[in-house]
């Protein structure tokens, strides 16, 4: 008996307890693309219809201060998958792999890094990813199939995802042609009539991706599964189904007329209605996943997490539209927060986040604890009772207690070490948030400091009146980052 107890103790070392749960929960993690803090009904949006996502808020918990790990696609997904903030992550901005193909995929994460998919797979979960990957091409170390997923279907390369009618999608590590006559993701029409059907082909990629996600769910319904759905909406180009466009008022677009592609991506005759339609189409896809859980009797034993990879897209040449014709000002997409995608101001990194977990999360609840993507690694591991990697730096805290209504604390600040858009550093500790821009330019900007509790829209820079706080946050950043040769940040790497 003593020998058996010793074996049991060894097995349990490094395993996170599952909060007394009798049955291993399924995990569904849905990630929108460029969805802003203010673009859902449950976050105050009044124009765009999102009933299914709003149902998650009604049935679960709404996060009021949840942050992405990075203000653009690939590094955000890296922080999510690896549990590391940008000061430790292998990917610190968008960057192509450079292997010479038309859609090469993004710079790959290495074989050494451990993803949450690998941890859950080791714990006995079936793992499937359906949507946009962005962490390395097929047949490289960054392929989702080599990073813990049993099944993958979608856009491996982010640039291929610029069109909703692409030539192919990736199925595991093979390309599958879906459109004989695909639509490129960028075009302009300086004059003449803009016709939506000119930018549509036979097969709408999001529908195929959703179908494969449903197949995975059905196949694995009798065993624990991790279903990761990094859906592509509402990232431009705008090519949503006409049926959704027709549900929104024509007068929205009467004043400004069509979008002609002057800010990149594809023209559209009704850009405001089209942007709303993309979000409603995303909402419909979320509803399909929730309905499948109901159909198979899985709802009560499934944790559903919904969030976005970063804030809504930013402005460009024509001030009437944002990139790709997105109507972010018209819809108040940031919910009044400062900045957009590509910035580390609140509008670029604060994102909607909802968690539904029947029996564990109170219906209609909310929290204002500052949390971010690195937290999901230890959170999902705890839910699964999985073992954490021993050698990998993890920068997050488990949110299991938080969503159960318990007090949660963290021992160090939230950190962003972003190499894109000129180089940006941001640090949040309690109510204080410090930002420094243009780090990789000839002349770095001065530090800015905001009290987020008093000034969530970041209108009052308090850096000059609180220099000691700025210095403390800068030192916290310096002491909690590693040099990454593929993504250097010169003024800090030389110290």
Protein backbone atom coordinates (compact mmCIF):
# COMPACT_ATOMS: atom_id res chain seq x y z
CA UNK A 1 0.00 0.00 0.00
CA UNK A 2 2.83 2.41 0.89
CA UNK A 3 4.45 1.69 -2.50
CA UNK A 4 1.20 2.47 -4.32
CA UNK A 5 0.82 5.75 -2.43
CA UNK A 6 4.35 6.75 -3.44
CA UNK A 7 3.54 6.09 -7.11
CA UNK A 8 0.38 8.17 -6.83
CA UNK A 9 2.35 11.05 -5.33
CA UNK A 10 4.88 10.98 -8.18
CA UNK A 11 2.11 10.99 -10.79
CA UNK A 12 0.49 14.04 -9.22
CA UNK A 13 3.65 16.16 -9.11
CA UNK A 14 3.36 19.04 -11.58
CA UNK A 15 -0.33 18.38 -12.25
CA UNK A 16 -2.80 21.19 -11.62
CA UNK A 17 -5.89 20.07 -9.64
CA UNK A 18 -9.18 20.55 -11.44
CA UNK A 19 -11.01 22.39 -8.65
CA UNK A 20 -12.77 19.25 -7.44
CA UNK A 21 -14.43 18.50 -10.78
CA UNK A 22 -15.64 14.91 -11.15
CA UNK A 23 -15.58 14.81 -14.95
CA UNK A 24 -13.00 16.30 -17.28
CA UNK A 25 -14.60 19.30 -19.02
CA UNK A 26 -14.43 19.86 -22.77
CA UNK A 27 -12.86 23.15 -23.81
CA UNK A 28 -14.04 25.34 -26.69
CA UNK A 29 -11.93 28.44 -27.35
CA UNK A 30 -13.31 30.81 -30.01
CA UNK A 31 -11.05 33.63 -31.20
CA UNK A 32 -12.41 36.42 -33.40
CA UNK A 33 -10.08 38.41 -35.69
CA UNK A 34 -9.86 42.19 -35.20
CA UNK A 35 -13.09 42.35 -33.18
CA UNK A 36 -13.23 45.52 -31.09
CA UNK A 37 -14.16 45.96 -27.43
CA UNK A 38 -17.34 47.79 -28.39
CA UNK A 39 -18.59 45.67 -31.30
CA UNK A 40 -20.85 43.26 -29.39
CA UNK A 41 -24.28 43.90 -27.96
CA UNK A 42 -23.14 42.69 -24.54
CA UNK A 43 -20.42 45.38 -24.60
CA UNK A 44 -22.76 48.21 -25.56
CA UNK A 45 -23.02 47.89 -29.34
CA UNK A 46 -26.45 49.09 -30.52
CA UNK A 47 -26.30 48.67 -34.29
CA UNK A 48 -24.75 45.24 -34.93
CA UNK A 49 -26.72 42.07 -34.14
CA UNK A 50 -24.80 39.51 -32.04
CA UNK A 51 -27.47 37.42 -30.22
CA UNK A 52 -25.44 34.22 -29.91
CA UNK A 53 -22.35 35.85 -28.45
CA UNK A 54 -24.57 37.95 -26.20
CA UNK A 55 -26.10 34.66 -24.97
CA UNK A 56 -22.66 33.65 -23.72
CA UNK A 57 -22.56 36.82 -21.63
CA UNK A 58 -26.04 36.13 -20.27
CA UNK A 59 -25.16 32.54 -19.39
CA UNK A 60 -21.65 33.23 -18.13
CA UNK A 61 -19.09 35.87 -17.21
CA UNK A 62 -18.13 39.08 -19.00
CA UNK A 63 -14.55 40.33 -18.62
CA UNK A 64 -14.28 44.11 -18.44
CA UNK A 65 -10.47 44.40 -18.52
CA UNK A 66 -9.18 41.53 -20.61
CA UNK A 67 -6.22 42.13 -22.92
CA UNK A 68 -4.68 40.43 -25.89
CA UNK A 69 -1.01 39.51 -25.67
CA UNK A 70 -0.15 41.67 -28.72
CA UNK A 71 -1.90 44.29 -30.88
CA UNK A 72 -1.62 42.28 -34.14
CA UNK A 73 -2.31 38.71 -35.28
CA UNK A 74 0.73 36.40 -35.12
CA UNK A 75 2.33 37.56 -31.86
CA UNK A 76 -1.08 37.60 -30.16
CA UNK A 77 -1.62 33.98 -31.16
CA UNK A 78 1.88 33.12 -29.97
CA UNK A 79 1.21 34.51 -26.49
CA UNK A 80 -2.09 32.61 -26.39
CA UNK A 81 -0.65 29.27 -27.46
CA UNK A 82 2.54 29.43 -25.36
CA UNK A 83 1.50 31.27 -22.19
CA UNK A 84 4.34 33.76 -22.60
CA UNK A 85 4.10 37.54 -22.80
CA UNK A 86 5.91 39.38 -25.59
CA UNK A 87 9.04 39.80 -23.50
CA UNK A 88 9.53 36.03 -23.61
CA UNK A 89 7.57 34.93 -26.69
CA UNK A 90 9.34 33.69 -29.81
CA UNK A 91 7.11 35.79 -32.13
CA UNK A 92 6.96 39.53 -31.35
CA UNK A 93 5.38 40.97 -34.50
CA UNK A 94 3.97 39.78 -37.83
CA UNK A 95 6.67 38.35 -40.09
CA UNK A 96 6.54 36.01 -43.09
CA UNK A 97 8.55 32.81 -43.04
CA UNK A 98 10.23 33.76 -46.33
CA UNK A 99 10.37 30.32 -47.90
CA UNK A 100 9.51 31.64 -51.37
CA UNK A 101 5.96 30.39 -51.84
CA UNK A 102 3.00 32.61 -52.74
CA UNK A 103 1.56 32.19 -49.26
CA UNK A 104 4.54 31.05 -47.22
CA UNK A 105 2.96 31.44 -43.82
CA UNK A 106 4.33 33.34 -40.87
CA UNK A 107 7.63 33.02 -39.03
CA UNK A 108 7.45 29.63 -37.25
CA UNK A 109 7.60 28.94 -33.56
CA UNK A 110 10.28 26.39 -32.73
CA UNK A 111 10.10 22.73 -31.81
CA UNK A 112 11.30 23.57 -28.29
CA UNK A 113 8.37 25.77 -27.30
CA UNK A 114 5.42 23.97 -25.70
CA UNK A 115 1.88 24.97 -26.70
CA UNK A 116 -1.29 24.59 -24.67
CA UNK A 117 -2.47 22.13 -27.34
CA UNK A 118 0.51 19.87 -26.57
CA UNK A 119 -0.24 20.04 -22.85
CA UNK A 120 -3.92 19.19 -23.35
CA UNK A 121 -3.08 16.43 -25.83
CA UNK A 122 -0.75 14.87 -23.28
CA UNK A 123 -3.60 15.03 -20.76
CA UNK A 124 -5.79 12.91 -23.03
CA UNK A 125 -7.68 15.57 -24.96
CA UNK A 126 -8.50 15.32 -28.66
CA UNK A 127 -7.25 18.60 -30.11
CA UNK A 128 -8.49 20.41 -33.20
CA UNK A 129 -7.89 23.90 -34.64
CA UNK A 130 -10.13 25.47 -37.28
CA UNK A 131 -9.51 28.94 -38.67
CA UNK A 132 -6.42 31.14 -38.94
CA UNK A 133 -3.14 29.84 -37.51
CA UNK A 134 -0.29 32.28 -38.26
CA UNK A 135 2.50 30.55 -36.30
CA UNK A 136 4.37 28.71 -39.04
CA UNK A 137 3.77 27.00 -42.39
CA UNK A 138 2.85 23.38 -42.90
CA UNK A 139 5.80 20.98 -42.68
CA UNK A 140 7.78 23.34 -40.44
CA UNK A 141 8.24 23.33 -36.68
CA UNK A 142 5.43 25.90 -36.46
CA UNK A 143 2.76 23.76 -38.13
CA UNK A 144 -0.29 23.23 -35.90
CA UNK A 145 0.01 19.49 -36.55
CA UNK A 146 3.53 19.59 -35.09
CA UNK A 147 2.41 21.77 -32.18
CA UNK A 148 -0.11 19.50 -30.51
CA UNK A 149 -3.17 19.48 -32.74
CA UNK A 150 -4.60 16.21 -34.05
CA UNK A 151 -6.59 18.03 -36.72
CA UNK A 152 -6.20 21.37 -38.44
CA UNK A 153 -8.27 23.03 -41.16
CA UNK A 154 -8.19 26.64 -42.26
CA UNK A 155 -5.80 29.40 -43.27
CA UNK A 156 -2.28 28.54 -42.22
CA UNK A 157 -1.02 31.83 -43.69
CA UNK A 158 -2.52 35.13 -42.61
CA UNK A 159 -2.06 36.68 -46.05
CA UNK A 160 -4.07 33.88 -47.67
CA UNK A 161 -6.79 34.89 -45.17
CA UNK A 162 -7.05 38.35 -46.75
CA UNK A 163 -9.68 36.81 -49.04
CA UNK A 164 -12.75 34.86 -47.99
CA UNK A 165 -12.71 33.17 -51.40
CA UNK A 166 -9.07 31.98 -51.52
CA UNK A 167 -7.60 29.41 -53.91
CA UNK A 168 -7.03 26.88 -51.12
CA UNK A 169 -7.22 26.12 -47.44
CA UNK A 170 -4.86 23.97 -45.39
CA UNK A 171 -6.10 20.57 -44.23
CA UNK A 172 -3.61 19.22 -41.70
CA UNK A 173 -0.40 19.69 -43.75
CA UNK A 174 -1.88 19.60 -47.25
CA UNK A 175 -3.39 22.33 -49.38
CA UNK A 176 -6.95 21.70 -50.55
CA UNK A 177 -8.21 23.70 -53.52
CA UNK A 178 -11.58 25.27 -52.77
CA UNK A 179 -11.95 27.83 -55.57
CA UNK A 180 -10.95 27.25 -59.17
CA UNK A 181 -11.37 30.98 -59.76
CA UNK A 182 -10.34 32.56 -56.45
CA UNK A 183 -10.65 36.24 -55.53
CA UNK A 184 -7.43 38.05 -54.56
CA UNK A 185 -7.74 39.96 -51.31
CA UNK A 186 -6.78 43.36 -52.74
CA UNK A 187 -8.17 45.46 -55.59
CA UNK A 188 -9.33 48.98 -56.39
CA UNK A 189 -12.15 50.41 -58.45
CA UNK A 190 -11.55 54.18 -58.77
CA UNK A 191 -14.73 54.77 -60.77
CA UNK A 192 -17.83 53.03 -62.03
CA UNK A 193 -20.32 50.86 -60.18
CA UNK A 194 -19.00 48.71 -57.34
CA UNK A 195 -20.72 45.31 -57.35
CA UNK A 196 -20.35 42.94 -54.39
CA UNK A 197 -20.72 39.81 -56.53
CA UNK A 198 -17.62 40.81 -58.50
CA UNK A 199 -15.63 39.90 -55.40
CA UNK A 200 -17.24 36.56 -54.63
CA UNK A 201 -16.42 33.09 -55.90
CA UNK A 202 -18.02 29.67 -55.49
CA UNK A 203 -16.81 28.58 -52.04
CA UNK A 204 -16.93 30.82 -48.98
CA UNK A 205 -14.05 29.70 -46.77
CA UNK A 206 -15.61 30.43 -43.33
CA UNK A 207 -18.44 28.01 -44.06
CA UNK A 208 -15.99 25.20 -44.86
CA UNK A 209 -13.98 25.95 -41.73
CA UNK A 210 -17.14 25.83 -39.62
CA UNK A 211 -18.19 22.52 -41.18
CA UNK A 212 -14.85 20.94 -40.30
CA UNK A 213 -15.08 22.23 -36.73
CA UNK A 214 -18.53 20.65 -36.40
CA UNK A 215 -17.19 17.34 -37.76
CA UNK A 216 -14.41 17.37 -35.19
CA UNK A 217 -16.88 18.04 -32.39
CA UNK A 218 -19.17 15.23 -33.52
CA UNK A 219 -16.27 12.79 -33.88
CA UNK A 220 -14.94 13.48 -30.40
CA UNK A 221 -18.15 14.12 -28.48
CA UNK A 222 -17.73 11.03 -26.28
CA UNK A 223 -14.24 11.98 -25.01
CA UNK A 224 -12.60 15.18 -23.70
CA UNK A 225 -11.75 17.59 -26.52
CA UNK A 226 -10.09 20.97 -27.04
CA UNK A 227 -11.78 22.75 -29.93
CA UNK A 228 -9.84 25.88 -30.92
CA UNK A 229 -11.73 28.07 -33.40
CA UNK A 230 -9.66 31.11 -34.48
CA UNK A 231 -12.35 32.31 -36.89
CA UNK A 232 -11.39 34.95 -39.47
CA UNK A 233 -14.19 37.51 -39.20
CA UNK A 234 -14.33 40.50 -39.09
CA UNK A 235 -10.80 40.91 -40.53
CA UNK A 236 -11.01 42.54 -43.94
CA UNK A 237 -11.47 42.11 -46.93
CA UNK A 238 -15.23 42.59 -46.61
CA UNK A 239 -16.94 39.75 -48.46
CA UNK A 240 -19.81 38.68 -46.19
CA UNK A 241 -22.92 36.80 -47.35
CA UNK A 242 -25.46 39.03 -49.06
CA UNK A 243 -28.25 37.75 -46.81
CA UNK A 244 -26.63 39.45 -43.83
CA UNK A 245 -25.95 42.68 -45.69
CA UNK A 246 -29.63 42.90 -46.65
CA UNK A 247 -30.62 42.86 -42.98
CA UNK A 248 -28.96 46.21 -42.31
CA UNK A 249 -30.30 49.68 -43.32
CA UNK A 250 -29.41 50.98 -46.78
CA UNK A 251 -29.32 54.53 -45.42
CA UNK A 252 -26.15 53.71 -43.47
CA UNK A 253 -24.22 53.90 -46.74
CA UNK A 254 -26.25 56.50 -48.64
CA UNK A 255 -24.15 59.48 -47.53
CA UNK A 256 -20.64 58.20 -48.26
CA UNK A 257 -21.33 55.81 -51.11
CA UNK A 258 -19.21 52.78 -51.94
CA UNK A 259 -15.78 51.90 -50.66
CA UNK A 260 -13.42 51.71 -53.66
CA UNK A 261 -10.43 49.97 -52.10
CA UNK A 262 -8.45 53.15 -51.48
CA UNK A 263 -7.46 51.96 -47.98
CA UNK A 264 -6.48 48.50 -49.16
CA UNK A 265 -8.30 45.18 -49.58
CA UNK A 266 -11.47 44.96 -51.70
CA UNK A 267 -14.12 47.49 -52.75
CA UNK A 268 -17.68 47.15 -51.48
CA UNK A 269 -20.90 48.99 -52.44
CA UNK A 270 -22.23 49.06 -48.85
CA UNK A 271 -19.23 49.12 -46.52
CA UNK A 272 -21.04 49.89 -43.28
CA UNK A 273 -23.66 47.21 -43.78
CA UNK A 274 -20.93 44.81 -44.93
CA UNK A 275 -18.82 45.37 -41.83
CA UNK A 276 -21.81 44.74 -39.58
CA UNK A 277 -22.64 41.68 -41.68
CA UNK A 278 -19.19 40.21 -41.07
CA UNK A 279 -19.67 40.41 -37.32
CA UNK A 280 -23.18 38.98 -37.53
CA UNK A 281 -21.89 36.14 -39.69
CA UNK A 282 -19.25 35.45 -37.03
CA UNK A 283 -22.00 35.47 -34.43
CA UNK A 284 -23.98 32.94 -36.46
CA UNK A 285 -20.95 30.63 -36.56
CA UNK A 286 -20.62 30.90 -32.78
CA UNK A 287 -24.29 29.99 -32.55
CA UNK A 288 -23.68 26.87 -34.63
CA UNK A 289 -20.98 25.67 -32.23
CA UNK A 290 -23.22 26.35 -29.22
CA UNK A 291 -26.11 24.52 -30.88
CA UNK A 292 -23.89 21.50 -31.51
CA UNK A 293 -22.96 21.38 -27.84
CA UNK A 294 -26.66 21.43 -26.98
CA UNK A 295 -27.45 18.78 -29.60
CA UNK A 296 -24.94 16.31 -28.16
CA UNK A 297 -25.73 17.05 -24.51
CA UNK A 298 -22.30 18.57 -23.92
CA UNK A 299 -23.22 22.07 -22.78
CA UNK A 300 -23.11 21.40 -19.04
CA UNK A 301 -19.64 19.85 -19.24
CA UNK A 302 -18.01 22.29 -21.65
CA UNK A 303 -16.11 25.49 -20.93
CA UNK A 304 -16.67 28.01 -23.74
CA UNK A 305 -14.33 30.98 -24.03
CA UNK A 306 -14.87 33.73 -26.58
CA UNK A 307 -12.48 36.60 -27.23
CA UNK A 308 -10.58 38.48 -29.99
CA UNK A 309 -6.95 38.56 -31.11
CA UNK A 310 -6.66 42.36 -30.91
CA UNK A 311 -8.63 45.57 -31.31
CA UNK A 312 -10.42 46.77 -34.47
CA UNK A 313 -8.52 47.86 -37.55
CA UNK A 314 -7.04 51.35 -37.69
CA UNK A 315 -7.49 54.29 -40.05
CA UNK A 316 -5.77 54.86 -43.37
CA UNK A 317 -5.66 57.17 -46.43
CA UNK A 318 -9.35 57.99 -46.79
CA UNK A 319 -10.52 59.19 -43.35
CA UNK A 320 -14.10 58.16 -44.09
CA UNK A 321 -13.05 54.52 -43.76
CA UNK A 322 -10.54 52.47 -41.84
CA UNK A 323 -8.34 49.84 -43.50
CA UNK A 324 -10.36 47.75 -45.93
CA UNK A 325 -13.37 50.05 -45.64
CA UNK A 326 -14.11 49.02 -42.05
CA UNK A 327 -16.60 51.37 -40.41
CA UNK A 328 -14.97 51.45 -36.98
CA UNK A 329 -15.84 55.06 -36.20
CA UNK A 330 -19.47 54.63 -37.25
CA UNK A 331 -19.87 51.65 -34.92
CA UNK A 332 -17.68 53.08 -32.11
CA UNK A 333 -15.77 49.82 -32.37
CA UNK A 334 -13.44 50.49 -29.44
CA UNK A 335 -16.28 51.41 -27.09
CA UNK A 336 -14.71 54.83 -26.50
CA UNK A 337 -11.21 53.53 -25.78
CA UNK A 338 -8.13 55.19 -27.27
CA UNK A 339 -6.32 53.68 -30.27
CA UNK A 340 -6.89 50.77 -32.63
CA UNK A 341 -5.16 47.62 -33.82
CA UNK A 342 -1.38 48.01 -33.96
CA UNK A 343 -1.24 50.22 -30.86
CA UNK A 344 -0.84 49.32 -27.21
CA UNK A 345 -3.36 51.90 -26.14
CA UNK A 346 -6.52 50.40 -24.67
CA UNK A 347 -8.42 50.34 -27.97
CA UNK A 348 -5.68 48.23 -29.56
CA UNK A 349 -5.29 45.62 -26.84
CA UNK A 350 -8.37 45.61 -24.59
CA UNK A 351 -10.76 43.07 -26.05
CA UNK A 352 -14.12 41.46 -25.32
CA UNK A 353 -13.93 38.19 -23.41
CA UNK A 354 -16.71 35.87 -22.28
CA UNK A 355 -16.60 32.59 -20.37
CA UNK A 356 -19.50 30.16 -20.00
CA UNK A 357 -19.02 27.20 -17.68
CA UNK A 358 -22.30 25.85 -16.29
CA UNK A 359 -22.14 25.04 -12.59
CA UNK A 360 -18.83 26.89 -12.18
CA UNK A 361 -19.43 30.40 -13.54
CA UNK A 362 -22.38 32.45 -12.32
CA UNK A 363 -24.83 33.50 -15.02
CA UNK A 364 -24.70 37.18 -15.94
CA UNK A 365 -21.58 37.81 -13.85
CA UNK A 366 -18.62 40.05 -14.67
CA UNK A 367 -15.15 40.89 -13.41
CA UNK A 368 -12.78 43.84 -13.77
CA UNK A 369 -9.55 41.99 -12.96
CA UNK A 370 -6.82 42.93 -15.49
CA UNK A 371 -6.12 39.67 -17.35
CA UNK A 372 -4.51 38.74 -20.66
CA UNK A 373 -3.67 35.99 -23.13
CA UNK A 374 -0.76 34.41 -21.19
CA UNK A 375 -3.27 33.60 -18.44
CA UNK A 376 -5.12 31.08 -20.60
CA UNK A 377 -2.29 28.52 -20.63
CA UNK A 378 -2.36 27.86 -16.85
CA UNK A 379 -6.14 28.31 -16.81
CA UNK A 380 -6.84 25.62 -19.41
CA UNK A 381 -4.23 23.36 -17.87
CA UNK A 382 -5.95 23.62 -14.50
CA UNK A 383 -9.35 22.91 -16.03
CA UNK A 384 -7.91 19.79 -17.67
CA UNK A 385 -5.83 18.67 -14.69
CA UNK A 386 -2.83 18.80 -17.01
CA UNK A 387 0.88 19.00 -16.26
CA UNK A 388 2.64 22.29 -16.95
CA UNK A 389 5.97 22.28 -18.83
CA UNK A 390 8.87 22.40 -16.39
CA UNK A 391 11.42 24.33 -18.47
CA UNK A 392 9.19 26.92 -20.17
CA UNK A 393 8.70 30.37 -18.69
CA UNK A 394 4.97 30.96 -18.15
CA UNK A 395 3.87 34.54 -17.53
CA UNK A 396 0.20 34.16 -16.72
CA UNK A 397 -1.92 33.17 -13.74
CA UNK A 398 -4.80 30.72 -13.71
CA UNK A 399 -8.19 32.40 -14.00
CA UNK A 400 -10.16 29.39 -12.75
CA UNK A 401 -10.71 30.94 -9.33
CA UNK A 402 -11.58 34.28 -10.91
CA UNK A 403 -14.37 32.88 -13.09
CA UNK A 404 -15.65 30.93 -10.07
CA UNK A 405 -16.02 34.22 -8.23
CA UNK A 406 -12.93 33.97 -6.03
CA UNK A 407 -10.27 36.60 -5.40
CA UNK A 408 -7.37 36.37 -7.85
CA UNK A 409 -3.97 38.06 -7.74
CA UNK A 410 -0.87 38.19 -9.88
CA UNK A 411 2.72 38.62 -8.74
CA UNK A 412 4.05 40.73 -11.61
CA UNK A 413 2.83 43.31 -14.14
CA UNK A 414 1.30 42.66 -17.55
CA UNK A 415 3.92 43.26 -20.25
CA UNK A 416 3.93 43.99 -23.99
CA UNK A 417 7.22 44.00 -25.93
CA UNK A 418 5.86 44.63 -29.42
CA UNK A 419 8.30 44.96 -32.32
CA UNK A 420 5.81 46.13 -34.96
CA UNK A 421 4.57 49.63 -35.77
CA UNK A 422 7.89 51.23 -34.84
CA UNK A 423 8.31 49.24 -31.63
CA UNK A 424 6.08 49.64 -28.58
CA UNK A 425 6.52 48.78 -24.92
CA UNK A 426 3.61 48.77 -22.48
CA UNK A 427 3.41 47.75 -18.83
CA UNK A 428 0.33 47.57 -16.64
CA UNK A 429 0.54 47.13 -12.87
CA UNK A 430 -2.64 47.65 -10.89
CA UNK A 431 -4.31 50.82 -12.11
CA UNK A 432 -1.11 52.18 -13.68
CA UNK A 433 -0.17 51.70 -17.31
CA UNK A 434 3.01 52.99 -18.95
CA UNK A 435 3.59 53.13 -22.72
CA UNK A 436 6.61 53.99 -24.81
CA UNK A 437 6.39 54.14 -28.61
CA UNK A 438 8.84 54.25 -31.54
CA UNK A 439 11.37 52.13 -29.67
CA UNK A 440 12.98 50.92 -32.90
CA UNK A 441 13.03 54.33 -34.59
CA UNK A 442 15.91 56.80 -34.59
CA UNK A 443 14.33 58.70 -31.72
CA UNK A 444 12.21 56.78 -29.24
CA UNK A 445 9.23 58.60 -27.79
CA UNK A 446 9.06 59.55 -24.13
CA UNK A 447 7.23 57.32 -21.69
CA UNK A 448 3.54 58.00 -21.16
CA UNK A 449 1.67 57.08 -17.98
CA UNK A 450 -2.05 56.64 -17.39
CA UNK A 451 -4.25 55.71 -14.49
CA UNK A 452 -6.63 53.30 -16.18
CA UNK A 453 -9.11 53.23 -13.30
CA UNK A 454 -9.61 57.00 -13.45
CA UNK A 455 -8.91 57.47 -17.16
CA UNK A 456 -9.71 54.36 -19.22
CA UNK A 457 -9.64 56.40 -22.45
CA UNK A 458 -6.04 57.51 -21.73
CA UNK A 459 -6.61 61.24 -22.12
CA UNK A 460 -4.29 62.45 -19.31
CA UNK A 461 -0.59 61.61 -19.53
CA UNK A 462 0.73 61.64 -15.95
CA UNK A 463 4.35 60.67 -16.70
CA UNK A 464 5.88 64.02 -15.75
CA UNK A 465 4.05 64.19 -12.43
CA UNK A 466 4.84 60.57 -11.46
CA UNK A 467 8.40 59.86 -12.66
CA UNK A 468 9.05 57.25 -9.94
CA UNK A 469 6.10 55.16 -11.11
CA UNK A 470 7.35 55.35 -14.70
CA UNK A 471 10.81 54.23 -13.62
CA UNK A 472 9.38 51.37 -11.55
CA UNK A 473 7.33 50.08 -14.46
CA UNK A 474 10.23 50.41 -16.89
CA UNK A 475 12.47 48.40 -14.57
CA UNK A 476 9.75 45.77 -14.23
CA UNK A 477 9.77 45.47 -18.01
CA UNK A 478 13.57 45.34 -18.28
CA UNK A 479 13.83 42.67 -15.60
CA UNK A 480 11.15 40.44 -17.09
CA UNK A 481 12.17 40.01 -20.72
CA UNK A 482 14.65 37.99 -22.74
CA UNK A 483 16.62 38.87 -25.85
CA UNK A 484 15.07 37.47 -29.03
CA UNK A 485 17.53 37.78 -31.96
CA UNK A 486 14.81 37.46 -34.60
CA UNK A 487 12.90 40.38 -33.08
CA UNK A 488 15.46 42.79 -31.60
CA UNK A 489 14.52 45.88 -29.58
CA UNK A 490 17.77 47.80 -29.78
CA UNK A 491 17.72 50.25 -26.88
CA UNK A 492 16.82 47.51 -24.41
CA UNK A 493 18.80 44.65 -25.92
CA UNK A 494 22.04 46.63 -25.59
CA UNK A 495 21.75 47.10 -21.86
